Amino acid sequence: MKKILMALFLTSVLCAPIASMAKDVDMAKITCKEFAESGKDSISMMMIWIDGYMSGKSDNTVMNEEWMDTLGTHMGRFCAQNPKKTIMAAIEAMPEN
């Protein structure tokens, strides 16, 4: 019973940010400015989406903290310098490792 309650609790906590985005979001249309101003929860969720998108393109199934830091640094720098460009442009400008 404790495992079931814990699973329900974790599901409700982890899905709360997703539920707050009740509408569909076209990630290809989000500008860097919108990304940067979207708030911590939305940025976190979009960073996970970006990692998944890039992983799908590269067939890399590994996610680690160092990569997420590198990706976050790149997105922050690119978007600060190019607020009108889309996050897809930022993804495409990510240097190869």
N, C-alpha and C. Protein backbone atom coordinates (compact mmCIF):
# COMPACT_ATOMS: atom_id res chain seq x y z
N MET A 1 0.82 -1.20 0.00
CA MET A 1 0.00 0.00 0.00
C MET A 1 0.86 1.27 0.00
N LYS A 2 1.97 1.22 0.76
CA LYS A 2 2.85 2.38 0.82
C LYS A 2 3.46 2.67 -0.54
N LYS A 3 3.80 1.61 -1.29
CA LYS A 3 4.38 1.80 -2.62
C LYS A 3 3.38 2.45 -3.57
N ILE A 4 2.13 2.06 -3.46
CA ILE A 4 1.08 2.62 -4.31
C ILE A 4 0.88 4.10 -3.99
N LEU A 5 0.82 4.42 -2.71
CA LEU A 5 0.66 5.82 -2.30
C LEU A 5 1.85 6.66 -2.74
N MET A 6 3.05 6.12 -2.62
CA MET A 6 4.24 6.85 -3.04
C MET A 6 4.21 7.07 -4.56
N ALA A 7 3.82 6.07 -5.31
CA ALA A 7 3.73 6.20 -6.77
C ALA A 7 2.71 7.27 -7.15
N LEU A 8 1.56 7.28 -6.48
CA LEU A 8 0.54 8.29 -6.76
C LEU A 8 1.04 9.69 -6.42
N PHE A 9 1.74 9.80 -5.30
CA PHE A 9 2.28 11.09 -4.89
C PHE A 9 3.30 11.60 -5.91
N LEU A 10 4.25 10.72 -6.29
CA LEU A 10 5.27 11.13 -7.26
C LEU A 10 4.65 11.49 -8.60
N THR A 11 3.65 10.75 -9.02
CA THR A 11 2.98 11.06 -10.28
C THR A 11 2.34 12.43 -10.23
N SER A 12 1.67 12.74 -9.12
CA SER A 12 1.00 14.04 -9.02
C SER A 12 2.00 15.18 -8.97
N VAL A 13 3.12 15.00 -8.30
CA VAL A 13 4.14 16.04 -8.20
C VAL A 13 4.84 16.25 -9.55
N LEU A 14 5.20 15.16 -10.20
CA LEU A 14 5.94 15.26 -11.46
C LEU A 14 5.07 15.72 -12.61
N CYS A 15 3.78 15.46 -12.56
CA CYS A 15 2.90 15.83 -13.66
C CYS A 15 2.29 17.22 -13.49
N ALA A 16 2.45 17.84 -12.35
CA ALA A 16 1.86 19.16 -12.12
C ALA A 16 2.30 20.21 -13.14
N PRO A 17 3.62 20.31 -13.46
CA PRO A 17 4.01 21.31 -14.47
C PRO A 17 3.40 21.01 -15.84
N ILE A 18 3.27 19.74 -16.17
CA ILE A 18 2.69 19.36 -17.45
C ILE A 18 1.22 19.76 -17.50
N ALA A 19 0.51 19.54 -16.42
CA ALA A 19 -0.91 19.89 -16.37
C ALA A 19 -1.11 21.39 -16.50
N SER A 20 -0.13 22.17 -16.02
CA SER A 20 -0.28 23.62 -16.10
C SER A 20 -0.16 24.12 -17.55
N MET A 21 0.39 23.30 -18.43
CA MET A 21 0.48 23.65 -19.84
C MET A 21 -0.67 22.95 -20.57
N ALA A 22 -1.89 23.34 -20.28
CA ALA A 22 -3.07 22.65 -20.77
C ALA A 22 -3.23 22.70 -22.29
N LYS A 23 -2.57 23.62 -22.93
CA LYS A 23 -2.71 23.74 -24.39
C LYS A 23 -1.53 23.08 -25.08
N ASP A 24 -1.72 22.76 -26.36
CA ASP A 24 -0.64 22.22 -27.17
C ASP A 24 0.39 23.31 -27.42
N VAL A 25 1.65 22.93 -27.47
CA VAL A 25 2.73 23.88 -27.71
C VAL A 25 3.55 23.39 -28.90
N ASP A 26 3.67 24.22 -29.92
CA ASP A 26 4.51 23.90 -31.07
C ASP A 26 5.92 24.38 -30.75
N MET A 27 6.78 23.45 -30.39
CA MET A 27 8.13 23.79 -29.97
C MET A 27 8.92 24.51 -31.06
N ALA A 28 8.58 24.28 -32.32
CA ALA A 28 9.29 24.92 -33.43
C ALA A 28 9.00 26.42 -33.52
N LYS A 29 7.97 26.88 -32.83
CA LYS A 29 7.60 28.29 -32.91
C LYS A 29 8.01 29.11 -31.69
N ILE A 30 8.55 28.47 -30.69
CA ILE A 30 8.93 29.18 -29.46
C ILE A 30 10.22 29.96 -29.71
N THR A 31 10.17 31.26 -29.44
CA THR A 31 11.38 32.08 -29.61
C THR A 31 12.26 31.95 -28.37
N CYS A 32 13.49 32.33 -28.55
CA CYS A 32 14.42 32.33 -27.43
C CYS A 32 13.93 33.24 -26.30
N LYS A 33 13.35 34.38 -26.68
CA LYS A 33 12.81 35.30 -25.66
C LYS A 33 11.69 34.63 -24.87
N GLU A 34 10.78 33.96 -25.57
CA GLU A 34 9.69 33.26 -24.89
C GLU A 34 10.23 32.14 -23.99
N PHE A 35 11.22 31.43 -24.49
CA PHE A 35 11.86 30.37 -23.73
C PHE A 35 12.45 30.93 -22.44
N ALA A 36 13.24 32.00 -22.56
CA ALA A 36 13.92 32.58 -21.40
C ALA A 36 12.96 33.17 -20.38
N GLU A 37 11.81 33.64 -20.84
CA GLU A 37 10.85 34.29 -19.94
C GLU A 37 9.74 33.35 -19.46
N SER A 38 9.83 32.07 -19.79
CA SER A 38 8.72 31.15 -19.51
C SER A 38 8.67 30.65 -18.07
N GLY A 39 9.69 30.89 -17.30
CA GLY A 39 9.68 30.44 -15.91
C GLY A 39 10.43 29.13 -15.73
N LYS A 40 10.88 28.91 -14.52
CA LYS A 40 11.75 27.77 -14.20
C LYS A 40 11.12 26.42 -14.57
N ASP A 41 9.87 26.20 -14.21
CA ASP A 41 9.22 24.92 -14.50
C ASP A 41 9.11 24.67 -16.00
N SER A 42 8.71 25.68 -16.74
CA SER A 42 8.58 25.53 -18.19
C SER A 42 9.93 25.33 -18.85
N ILE A 43 10.93 26.08 -18.41
CA ILE A 43 12.28 25.92 -18.96
C ILE A 43 12.78 24.50 -18.70
N SER A 44 12.59 24.01 -17.50
CA SER A 44 13.02 22.65 -17.17
C SER A 44 12.34 21.63 -18.06
N MET A 45 11.05 21.78 -18.24
CA MET A 45 10.31 20.86 -19.08
C MET A 45 10.78 20.94 -20.53
N MET A 46 11.00 22.16 -21.03
CA MET A 46 11.47 22.31 -22.40
C MET A 46 12.88 21.77 -22.58
N MET A 47 13.73 21.92 -21.57
CA MET A 47 15.09 21.37 -21.66
C MET A 47 15.05 19.85 -21.77
N ILE A 48 14.15 19.23 -21.06
CA ILE A 48 14.02 17.77 -21.17
C ILE A 48 13.52 17.41 -22.57
N TRP A 49 12.58 18.19 -23.10
CA TRP A 49 12.09 17.95 -24.47
C TRP A 49 13.25 18.12 -25.46
N ILE A 50 14.03 19.19 -25.30
CA ILE A 50 15.15 19.46 -26.20
C ILE A 50 16.15 18.31 -26.16
N ASP A 51 16.47 17.84 -24.96
CA ASP A 51 17.39 16.71 -24.84
C ASP A 51 16.83 15.48 -25.56
N GLY A 52 15.55 15.21 -25.39
CA GLY A 52 14.94 14.08 -26.07
C GLY A 52 14.94 14.24 -27.58
N TYR A 53 14.66 15.43 -28.03
CA TYR A 53 14.67 15.72 -29.48
C TYR A 53 16.06 15.47 -30.05
N MET A 54 17.07 16.03 -29.37
CA MET A 54 18.44 15.87 -29.86
C MET A 54 18.89 14.41 -29.76
N SER A 55 18.48 13.73 -28.72
CA SER A 55 18.83 12.32 -28.56
C SER A 55 18.22 11.47 -29.66
N GLY A 56 17.00 11.82 -30.05
CA GLY A 56 16.35 11.10 -31.14
C GLY A 56 17.10 11.29 -32.45
N LYS A 57 17.60 12.49 -32.68
CA LYS A 57 18.34 12.77 -33.91
C LYS A 57 19.69 12.06 -33.93
N SER A 58 20.32 11.94 -32.76
CA SER A 58 21.67 11.37 -32.70
C SER A 58 21.66 9.90 -32.30
N ASP A 59 20.50 9.37 -31.97
CA ASP A 59 20.37 7.99 -31.51
C ASP A 59 21.17 7.74 -30.23
N ASN A 60 21.27 8.77 -29.41
CA ASN A 60 21.99 8.67 -28.13
C ASN A 60 20.95 8.55 -27.02
N THR A 61 20.98 7.47 -26.29
CA THR A 61 19.99 7.26 -25.24
C THR A 61 20.51 7.60 -23.84
N VAL A 62 21.69 8.19 -23.77
CA VAL A 62 22.30 8.52 -22.48
C VAL A 62 22.00 9.97 -22.12
N MET A 63 21.58 10.17 -20.88
CA MET A 63 21.37 11.52 -20.36
C MET A 63 22.18 11.63 -19.08
N ASN A 64 23.01 12.68 -19.00
CA ASN A 64 23.78 12.86 -17.77
C ASN A 64 23.84 14.33 -17.41
N GLU A 65 24.26 14.59 -16.21
CA GLU A 65 24.27 15.95 -15.68
C GLU A 65 25.22 16.87 -16.45
N GLU A 66 26.38 16.36 -16.83
CA GLU A 66 27.34 17.18 -17.56
C GLU A 66 26.76 17.64 -18.91
N TRP A 67 26.10 16.71 -19.61
CA TRP A 67 25.48 17.06 -20.89
C TRP A 67 24.38 18.10 -20.70
N MET A 68 23.55 17.93 -19.67
CA MET A 68 22.47 18.87 -19.44
C MET A 68 23.03 20.26 -19.09
N ASP A 69 24.14 20.29 -18.36
CA ASP A 69 24.79 21.58 -18.06
C ASP A 69 25.30 22.23 -19.34
N THR A 70 25.93 21.43 -20.19
CA THR A 70 26.45 21.94 -21.47
C THR A 70 25.31 22.47 -22.34
N LEU A 71 24.24 21.70 -22.42
CA LEU A 71 23.08 22.09 -23.21
C LEU A 71 22.44 23.36 -22.65
N GLY A 72 22.29 23.42 -21.34
CA GLY A 72 21.71 24.60 -20.70
C GLY A 72 22.55 25.85 -20.91
N THR A 73 23.86 25.70 -20.82
CA THR A 73 24.77 26.83 -21.06
C THR A 73 24.63 27.31 -22.50
N HIS A 74 24.62 26.37 -23.44
CA HIS A 74 24.47 26.75 -24.85
C HIS A 74 23.15 27.47 -25.09
N MET A 75 22.06 26.90 -24.59
CA MET A 75 20.74 27.50 -24.81
C MET A 75 20.70 28.90 -24.21
N GLY A 76 21.25 29.06 -23.01
CA GLY A 76 21.26 30.37 -22.36
C GLY A 76 22.04 31.41 -23.14
N ARG A 77 23.23 31.03 -23.59
CA ARG A 77 24.07 31.96 -24.37
C ARG A 77 23.44 32.30 -25.71
N PHE A 78 23.02 31.26 -26.43
CA PHE A 78 22.44 31.49 -27.76
C PHE A 78 21.21 32.37 -27.65
N CYS A 79 20.34 32.05 -26.71
CA CYS A 79 19.09 32.79 -26.60
C CYS A 79 19.31 34.23 -26.11
N ALA A 80 20.31 34.44 -25.27
CA ALA A 80 20.62 35.80 -24.82
C ALA A 80 21.09 36.65 -26.00
N GLN A 81 21.81 36.05 -26.92
CA GLN A 81 22.34 36.78 -28.07
C GLN A 81 21.35 36.85 -29.24
N ASN A 82 20.35 35.97 -29.24
CA ASN A 82 19.41 35.86 -30.37
C ASN A 82 17.97 35.71 -29.90
N PRO A 83 17.44 36.70 -29.17
CA PRO A 83 16.10 36.54 -28.57
C PRO A 83 14.97 36.33 -29.58
N LYS A 84 15.14 36.77 -30.81
CA LYS A 84 14.07 36.63 -31.81
C LYS A 84 14.12 35.30 -32.56
N LYS A 85 15.24 34.59 -32.44
CA LYS A 85 15.35 33.29 -33.12
C LYS A 85 14.59 32.24 -32.31
N THR A 86 14.27 31.15 -32.95
CA THR A 86 13.54 30.08 -32.27
C THR A 86 14.50 29.17 -31.50
N ILE A 87 13.93 28.42 -30.57
CA ILE A 87 14.77 27.47 -29.85
C ILE A 87 15.24 26.36 -30.79
N MET A 88 14.51 26.12 -31.88
CA MET A 88 14.97 25.14 -32.86
C MET A 88 16.26 25.64 -33.52
N ALA A 89 16.38 26.93 -33.75
CA ALA A 89 17.63 27.49 -34.28
C ALA A 89 18.75 27.31 -33.27
N ALA A 90 18.44 27.47 -32.00
CA ALA A 90 19.43 27.26 -30.95
C ALA A 90 19.88 25.81 -30.92
N ILE A 91 18.94 24.90 -31.09
CA ILE A 91 19.27 23.47 -31.11
C ILE A 91 20.19 23.17 -32.29
N GLU A 92 19.86 23.71 -33.45
CA GLU A 92 20.66 23.46 -34.65
C GLU A 92 22.04 24.08 -34.54
N ALA A 93 22.21 25.13 -33.74
CA ALA A 93 23.50 25.79 -33.57
C ALA A 93 24.35 25.13 -32.47
N MET A 94 23.83 24.10 -31.85
CA MET A 94 24.58 23.39 -30.77
C MET A 94 25.82 22.75 -31.38
N PRO A 95 27.00 23.11 -30.84
CA PRO A 95 28.24 22.50 -31.36
C PRO A 95 28.24 20.99 -31.12
N GLU A 96 28.85 20.26 -32.05
CA GLU A 96 28.99 18.81 -31.89
C GLU A 96 30.01 18.54 -30.79
N ASN A 97 29.77 17.49 -30.04
CA ASN A 97 30.74 17.13 -28.99
C ASN A 97 31.89 16.34 -29.54
